[in-house]
Amino acid sequence: MATNLPFILTNHPGREQSATWSRVSFQPGASNTSRRGLLGDLGYAIVLFLKRRGFPVVVLGGGSRIDMFYLMLQRLWPFGARPVVKLDCLWYEAKPFRQFLKACLLRWLDKGVSKYVVWAHREMADYSRVFRLPREKFCFVPYHTTIEADRYPSVQGDYIFSGGNFARDYATLALAVRGLDIPVVIACSNNDALKGINFPSNVQVVGVSHHRFMELMAGSHINVVCLRKGLLHSGGQQTFLNAMALGKPVIVTDPEGARGYVEDGVDGLLVPAGDPLKLREAILKLLNNRQLALIMGRKGKFRASRLDTEAHLAAIARLARDVALESNMAMEPYKRNADARQQGKSF
């Protein structure tokens, strides 16, 4: 893939966050998907689809509707098809009939996808099983930190922090910390995640801005990411990676989902979901041994430093390059069209 021009066409809006991603051909407008509406997303997908002929590989990750429309177009008009790497596979289980329709659609679109990128090891097997998609098409690429840790001074505080709105299990956390002689701050603005929970007196629930969320995380002693049991799509990667980047010891209640980010007992603790006794044991382990918590936080910070945005997007670029090289598509059309495209650098 030796060329002086970008070889990836993408709708993934990572251009300003990565030196690697600044060298792809980004179709502008992907960051405004919520403002375009259904017809606007279809029009955007058509533009992206028409532009594909000048590139050997397409990376989709700019919104689920746009990605779906693009893959539909490629199925309906397969001539000149390009291999596709599909990012952001944030798939959930639904009620039986809707789940059946979703699985049928994904299998129909699958013929146009070379690789699916997931953020958790367990999703490779789970997605393949639930939607009956080829297991070999799934590839784990670790997610990344999303903060500049230097903006938030980190101290070993005197409270436990837990935050996030998606798929959280604050009922289990409430049981685990009941009676502990330490304050617990939960930052959550999703009322459904808090409904019906009898929080003990040492727990404070707050709704805060993103900036304040990070300040609370940076000032805590322990960060707990308490996820619900039985989820298809894993979650919490952004939260526990940012906490690790701040030097916080983390406890995550999705061992398989966090594998690849956290080594249990080394740079964090992994406990089974929905088990308040195991979660309480993990919390007490760090509370009763501040030196262990400090060392674990330092090791987590080192690990998170290698999982930044640049590392994430560079890994995707390498995967896209490999997909293009493995495809049977001749590269001559790409080379002939090279002079018509903007100068850049190769990966």
Protein backbone atom coordinates (compact mmCIF):
# COMPACT_ATOMS: atom_id res chain seq x y z
CA MET A 1 0.00 0.00 0.00
CA ALA A 2 2.92 2.32 -0.76
CA THR A 3 1.47 5.60 -1.94
CA ASN A 4 1.80 9.27 -1.14
CA LEU A 5 -1.96 9.66 -0.89
CA PRO A 6 -4.55 8.69 1.72
CA PHE A 7 -6.06 5.29 0.98
CA ILE A 8 -8.90 5.23 3.54
CA LEU A 9 -12.26 6.84 2.90
CA THR A 10 -14.14 7.31 6.17
CA ASN A 11 -17.01 9.07 7.89
CA HIS A 12 -15.44 8.60 11.32
CA PRO A 13 -14.88 12.04 12.92
CA GLY A 14 -11.48 11.48 14.51
CA ARG A 15 -9.53 13.83 12.29
CA GLU A 16 -8.66 16.49 14.85
CA GLN A 17 -7.71 13.97 17.54
CA SER A 18 -5.07 11.94 15.75
CA ALA A 19 -2.07 12.57 13.53
CA THR A 20 -2.76 9.23 11.87
CA TRP A 21 -6.42 9.98 11.21
CA SER A 22 -5.58 13.40 9.75
CA ARG A 23 -4.13 11.51 6.79
CA VAL A 24 -7.32 9.71 5.78
CA SER A 25 -9.91 11.12 3.42
CA PHE A 26 -12.68 12.21 5.76
CA GLN A 27 -16.08 13.03 4.30
CA PRO A 28 -17.06 16.25 6.16
CA GLY A 29 -20.26 16.46 8.14
CA ALA A 30 -20.24 13.17 10.07
CA SER A 31 -20.15 14.99 13.40
CA ASN A 32 -23.53 16.63 12.66
CA THR A 33 -25.55 13.45 12.14
CA SER A 34 -28.23 14.44 14.67
CA ARG A 35 -29.11 17.61 12.73
CA ARG A 36 -29.63 16.12 9.29
CA GLY A 37 -32.56 13.79 9.84
CA LEU A 38 -33.33 10.61 7.93
CA LEU A 39 -33.15 12.07 4.41
CA GLY A 40 -30.02 14.01 5.27
CA ASP A 41 -28.31 10.84 6.49
CA LEU A 42 -29.34 9.03 3.30
CA GLY A 43 -27.95 11.87 1.18
CA TYR A 44 -24.71 11.81 3.13
CA ALA A 45 -24.43 8.03 2.64
CA ILE A 46 -24.99 8.44 -1.12
CA VAL A 47 -22.18 11.02 -1.34
CA LEU A 48 -19.89 8.70 0.60
CA PHE A 49 -20.90 5.77 -1.60
CA LEU A 50 -20.19 7.66 -4.84
CA LYS A 51 -16.79 8.76 -3.56
CA ARG A 52 -15.69 5.20 -2.68
CA ARG A 53 -14.40 4.43 -6.22
CA GLY A 54 -11.20 6.39 -5.60
CA PHE A 55 -10.21 4.33 -2.53
CA PRO A 56 -9.33 0.68 -1.85
CA VAL A 57 -11.04 0.53 1.57
CA VAL A 58 -13.85 2.28 3.45
CA VAL A 59 -14.06 2.69 7.25
CA LEU A 60 -17.59 3.29 8.54
CA GLY A 61 -18.08 4.83 11.97
CA GLY A 62 -19.96 8.08 11.63
CA GLY A 63 -23.44 7.15 12.83
CA SER A 64 -25.49 3.95 12.71
CA ARG A 65 -28.03 5.21 10.13
CA ILE A 66 -25.37 6.49 7.75
CA ASP A 67 -23.42 3.24 8.03
CA MET A 68 -26.59 1.21 7.46
CA PHE A 69 -27.57 3.27 4.40
CA TYR A 70 -24.08 2.92 2.93
CA LEU A 71 -24.14 -0.87 3.36
CA MET A 72 -27.62 -1.02 1.85
CA LEU A 73 -26.40 0.87 -1.19
CA GLN A 74 -23.47 -1.49 -1.54
CA ARG A 75 -25.78 -4.53 -1.37
CA LEU A 76 -28.17 -3.04 -3.94
CA TRP A 77 -25.37 -1.86 -6.24
CA PRO A 78 -22.41 -4.20 -5.67
CA PHE A 79 -20.48 -3.08 -8.76
CA GLY A 80 -17.25 -1.44 -7.73
CA ALA A 81 -17.74 -2.51 -4.11
CA ARG A 82 -14.94 -1.72 -1.68
CA PRO A 83 -14.06 -3.73 1.43
CA VAL A 84 -15.56 -2.15 4.54
CA VAL A 85 -14.35 -1.97 8.13
CA LYS A 86 -17.34 -1.28 10.40
CA LEU A 87 -16.66 0.56 13.67
CA ASP A 88 -18.92 1.32 16.64
CA CYS A 89 -20.84 -1.95 16.75
CA LEU A 90 -22.96 -0.88 19.71
CA TRP A 91 -25.61 -3.55 19.37
CA TYR A 92 -28.24 -4.49 21.92
CA GLU A 93 -30.77 -7.27 22.30
CA ALA A 94 -34.41 -6.33 21.78
CA LYS A 95 -37.81 -7.98 22.15
CA PRO A 96 -38.07 -11.24 20.15
CA PHE A 97 -39.74 -10.02 16.95
CA ARG A 98 -37.67 -6.85 16.74
CA GLN A 99 -34.56 -8.90 17.51
CA PHE A 100 -35.42 -11.26 14.65
CA LEU A 101 -35.76 -8.36 12.20
CA LYS A 102 -32.53 -6.78 13.42
CA ALA A 103 -30.63 -10.06 13.01
CA CYS A 104 -32.03 -10.53 9.49
CA LEU A 105 -30.98 -7.01 8.50
CA LEU A 106 -27.47 -7.42 9.92
CA ARG A 107 -27.00 -10.73 8.11
CA TRP A 108 -28.16 -9.18 4.83
CA LEU A 109 -25.79 -6.24 5.24
CA ASP A 110 -22.97 -8.53 6.38
CA LYS A 111 -22.05 -9.46 2.81
CA GLY A 112 -20.64 -5.96 2.39
CA VAL A 113 -18.53 -5.97 5.57
CA SER A 114 -14.99 -7.33 5.79
CA LYS A 115 -14.33 -6.62 9.48
CA TYR A 116 -16.33 -5.50 12.51
CA VAL A 117 -14.42 -3.63 15.21
CA VAL A 118 -15.59 -4.21 18.79
CA TRP A 119 -14.34 -2.76 22.08
CA ALA A 120 -14.61 -5.89 24.24
CA HIS A 121 -13.25 -9.39 23.74
CA ARG A 122 -16.51 -11.05 24.71
CA GLU A 123 -18.48 -9.13 22.06
CA MET A 124 -16.71 -11.06 19.29
CA ALA A 125 -18.31 -14.34 20.36
CA ASP A 126 -21.54 -12.81 21.70
CA TYR A 127 -22.39 -10.80 18.59
CA SER A 128 -21.55 -13.74 16.35
CA ARG A 129 -23.81 -16.04 18.36
CA VAL A 130 -26.78 -13.70 18.82
CA PHE A 131 -26.89 -12.34 15.26
CA ARG A 132 -25.40 -15.41 13.54
CA LEU A 133 -22.60 -13.49 11.89
CA PRO A 134 -19.19 -14.97 10.96
CA ARG A 135 -16.97 -15.05 14.05
CA GLU A 136 -13.82 -14.47 11.99
CA LYS A 137 -15.05 -11.05 10.88
CA PHE A 138 -14.94 -9.64 14.41
CA CYS A 139 -11.81 -7.90 15.63
CA PHE A 140 -11.09 -6.45 19.07
CA VAL A 141 -9.48 -3.00 19.00
CA PRO A 142 -9.15 -1.41 22.45
CA TYR A 143 -11.03 1.81 23.05
CA HIS A 144 -9.15 4.90 24.21
CA THR A 145 -8.94 7.57 26.87
CA THR A 146 -10.89 10.74 26.10
CA ILE A 147 -9.36 13.29 28.48
CA GLU A 148 -6.21 15.28 28.98
CA ALA A 149 -5.28 14.00 32.42
CA ASP A 150 -3.11 17.06 33.12
CA ARG A 151 -6.25 19.22 33.23
CA TYR A 152 -7.50 17.40 36.33
CA PRO A 153 -5.11 17.30 39.32
CA SER A 154 -5.35 13.81 40.82
CA VAL A 155 -5.26 13.26 44.57
CA GLN A 156 -5.91 10.18 46.70
CA GLY A 157 -9.20 11.40 48.14
CA ASP A 158 -11.43 10.18 50.93
CA TYR A 159 -14.46 9.00 48.92
CA ILE A 160 -15.46 6.37 46.39
CA PHE A 161 -16.62 7.59 43.01
CA SER A 162 -18.92 5.88 40.53
CA GLY A 163 -20.47 7.48 37.49
CA GLY A 164 -22.15 6.98 34.15
CA ASN A 165 -25.63 6.54 32.71
CA PHE A 166 -25.41 3.52 30.43
CA ALA A 167 -26.04 -0.01 31.76
CA ARG A 168 -25.07 0.83 35.33
CA ASP A 169 -26.09 -1.32 38.30
CA TYR A 170 -26.26 1.16 41.16
CA ALA A 171 -28.52 -1.15 43.17
CA THR A 172 -25.65 -3.64 43.56
CA LEU A 173 -23.26 -0.82 44.41
CA ALA A 174 -25.66 0.52 47.07
CA LEU A 175 -25.76 -2.90 48.74
CA ALA A 176 -21.98 -3.27 48.55
CA VAL A 177 -21.19 0.05 50.28
CA ARG A 178 -23.95 0.01 52.86
CA GLY A 179 -22.48 0.58 56.32
CA LEU A 180 -18.98 1.42 55.08
CA ASP A 181 -17.27 4.30 56.85
CA ILE A 182 -16.51 6.21 53.64
CA PRO A 183 -18.62 8.54 51.48
CA VAL A 184 -19.69 7.36 48.04
CA VAL A 185 -20.46 9.82 45.23
CA ILE A 186 -22.53 8.61 42.28
CA ALA A 187 -22.70 10.91 39.24
CA CYS A 188 -25.71 9.90 37.17
CA SER A 189 -28.39 11.85 35.32
CA ASN A 190 -30.38 8.82 34.12
CA ASN A 191 -33.40 8.52 36.40
CA ASP A 192 -34.19 5.03 35.11
CA ALA A 193 -30.81 3.82 36.38
CA LEU A 194 -31.64 5.15 39.87
CA LYS A 195 -35.32 4.22 40.09
CA GLY A 196 -36.37 2.15 43.10
CA ILE A 197 -32.95 2.04 44.76
CA ASN A 198 -32.74 2.56 48.51
CA PHE A 199 -29.41 4.35 48.83
CA PRO A 200 -27.71 4.24 52.24
CA SER A 201 -26.82 7.43 54.10
CA ASN A 202 -23.18 7.39 52.98
CA VAL A 203 -24.18 7.62 49.29
CA GLN A 204 -24.73 10.94 47.51
CA VAL A 205 -26.24 10.95 44.01
CA VAL A 206 -25.52 14.02 41.85
CA GLY A 207 -26.14 15.17 38.31
CA VAL A 208 -23.12 17.12 37.09
CA SER A 209 -21.41 18.53 34.00
CA HIS A 210 -18.70 16.55 32.23
CA HIS A 211 -16.04 18.82 33.72
CA ARG A 212 -17.34 18.32 37.25
CA PHE A 213 -17.65 14.58 36.58
CA MET A 214 -13.93 14.44 35.80
CA GLU A 215 -13.07 16.56 38.83
CA LEU A 216 -14.95 14.17 41.10
CA MET A 217 -13.23 11.21 39.50
CA ALA A 218 -9.80 12.83 39.89
CA GLY A 219 -10.40 13.57 43.58
CA SER A 220 -11.63 10.11 44.55
CA HIS A 221 -9.85 7.25 46.27
CA ILE A 222 -11.40 4.45 44.19
CA ASN A 223 -13.39 4.46 40.97
CA VAL A 224 -16.08 1.77 40.68
CA VAL A 225 -17.70 0.99 37.32
CA CYS A 226 -20.66 -1.15 38.32
CA LEU A 227 -22.27 -2.63 35.19
CA ARG A 228 -25.46 -4.64 34.88
CA LYS A 229 -25.40 -8.39 34.47
CA GLY A 230 -26.28 -10.10 31.20
CA LEU A 231 -25.65 -7.23 28.79
CA LEU A 232 -24.90 -8.01 25.16
CA HIS A 233 -23.05 -4.77 24.46
CA SER A 234 -20.30 -4.06 26.98
CA GLY A 235 -19.90 -0.58 28.40
CA GLY A 236 -17.88 1.59 30.72
CA GLN A 237 -14.61 1.57 28.74
CA GLN A 238 -14.40 5.34 28.52
CA THR A 239 -15.11 5.73 32.24
CA PHE A 240 -12.62 3.23 33.61
CA LEU A 241 -9.91 4.16 31.09
CA ASN A 242 -10.20 7.84 32.02
CA ALA A 243 -10.05 6.88 35.71
CA MET A 244 -6.93 4.81 35.05
CA ALA A 245 -5.38 7.74 33.17
CA LEU A 246 -5.91 9.81 36.33
CA GLY A 247 -4.11 7.19 38.42
CA LYS A 248 -7.25 5.89 40.12
CA PRO A 249 -7.49 2.21 41.10
CA VAL A 250 -10.56 0.85 39.30
CA ILE A 251 -13.05 -1.89 40.06
CA VAL A 252 -15.13 -3.14 37.11
CA THR A 253 -18.03 -5.59 37.34
CA ASP A 254 -17.74 -6.97 33.79
CA PRO A 255 -14.60 -9.16 33.82
CA GLU A 256 -14.92 -10.37 30.22
CA GLY A 257 -15.87 -6.92 28.94
CA ALA A 258 -12.88 -5.31 30.66
CA ARG A 259 -10.40 -7.98 29.61
CA GLY A 260 -7.85 -6.34 27.36
CA TYR A 261 -7.90 -3.18 29.48
CA VAL A 262 -7.55 -4.33 33.08
CA GLU A 263 -5.41 -7.17 34.46
CA ASP A 264 -7.15 -8.34 37.60
CA GLY A 265 -5.08 -7.71 40.71
CA VAL A 266 -2.39 -5.79 38.81
CA ASP A 267 -3.80 -2.53 37.45
CA GLY A 268 -7.38 -2.94 38.65
CA LEU A 269 -9.87 -5.38 40.11
CA LEU A 270 -12.49 -7.36 38.18
CA VAL A 271 -15.50 -8.81 39.99
CA PRO A 272 -18.62 -10.63 38.78
CA ALA A 273 -21.62 -8.50 37.86
CA GLY A 274 -24.58 -8.46 40.25
CA ASP A 275 -22.60 -9.75 43.24
CA PRO A 276 -22.61 -7.16 46.08
CA LEU A 277 -20.54 -9.38 48.40
CA LYS A 278 -17.69 -9.76 45.88
CA LEU A 279 -17.87 -6.06 45.10
CA ARG A 280 -17.71 -5.18 48.80
CA GLU A 281 -14.67 -7.45 49.22
CA ALA A 282 -12.88 -5.68 46.36
CA ILE A 283 -13.69 -2.24 47.79
CA LEU A 284 -12.47 -3.24 51.28
CA LYS A 285 -9.28 -4.69 49.78
CA LEU A 286 -8.36 -1.26 48.44
CA LEU A 287 -9.65 0.69 51.42
CA ASN A 288 -7.67 -1.43 53.88
CA ASN A 289 -4.44 -1.26 51.89
CA ARG A 290 -3.80 2.28 50.67
CA GLN A 291 -0.35 1.31 49.38
CA LEU A 292 -1.88 -1.37 47.19
CA ALA A 293 -4.42 1.13 45.88
CA LEU A 294 -1.62 3.60 45.09
CA ILE A 295 0.49 1.01 43.26
CA MET A 296 -2.53 -0.30 41.35
CA GLY A 297 -3.41 3.26 40.33
CA ARG A 298 0.11 3.89 39.05
CA LYS A 299 0.13 0.70 37.00
CA GLY A 300 -3.30 1.53 35.63
CA LYS A 301 -2.08 4.99 34.63
CA PHE A 302 0.83 3.49 32.73
CA ARG A 303 -1.46 1.07 30.93
CA ALA A 304 -3.96 3.82 30.03
CA SER A 305 -1.13 5.97 28.65
CA ARG A 306 -0.75 3.41 25.85
CA LEU A 307 -4.46 3.47 25.06
CA ASP A 308 -4.90 7.03 23.81
CA THR A 309 -6.82 8.23 20.77
CA GLU A 310 -3.79 8.06 18.51
CA ALA A 311 -3.13 4.41 19.40
CA HIS A 312 -6.79 3.53 18.80
CA LEU A 313 -7.06 5.17 15.39
CA ALA A 314 -3.62 3.95 14.30
CA ALA A 315 -4.74 0.39 15.05
CA ILE A 316 -7.87 0.91 12.95
CA ALA A 317 -5.75 2.31 10.11
CA ARG A 318 -3.50 -0.76 10.23
CA LEU A 319 -6.53 -3.04 10.17
CA ALA A 320 -7.97 -1.15 7.19
CA ARG A 321 -4.65 -1.45 5.37
CA ASP A 322 -4.54 -5.19 6.00
CA VAL A 323 -8.13 -5.58 4.79
CA ALA A 324 -7.29 -3.70 1.60
CA LEU A 325 -4.19 -5.81 1.00
CA GLU A 326 -6.06 -9.05 1.61
CA SER A 327 -8.86 -8.18 -0.78
CA ASN A 328 -8.68 -9.35 -4.38
CA MET A 329 -9.27 -5.86 -5.71
CA ALA A 330 -6.64 -4.62 -8.13
CA MET A 331 -4.85 -1.49 -6.97
CA GLU A 332 -4.36 0.02 -10.41
CA PRO A 333 -7.64 2.02 -10.41
CA TYR A 334 -6.61 3.55 -7.10
CA LYS A 335 -3.20 4.49 -8.48
CA ARG A 336 -4.69 5.98 -11.65
CA ASN A 337 -7.01 8.16 -9.59
CA ALA A 338 -4.26 9.23 -7.20
CA ASP A 339 -3.43 12.54 -8.92
CA ALA A 340 -7.05 13.64 -8.57
CA ARG A 341 -6.99 13.46 -4.78
CA GLN A 342 -5.48 15.62 -2.09
CA GLN A 343 -1.83 15.01 -1.15
CA GLY A 344 -1.23 13.18 2.15
CA LYS A 345 0.98 10.57 3.76
CA SER A 346 0.80 6.79 3.77
CA PHE A 347 0.31 4.66 6.86
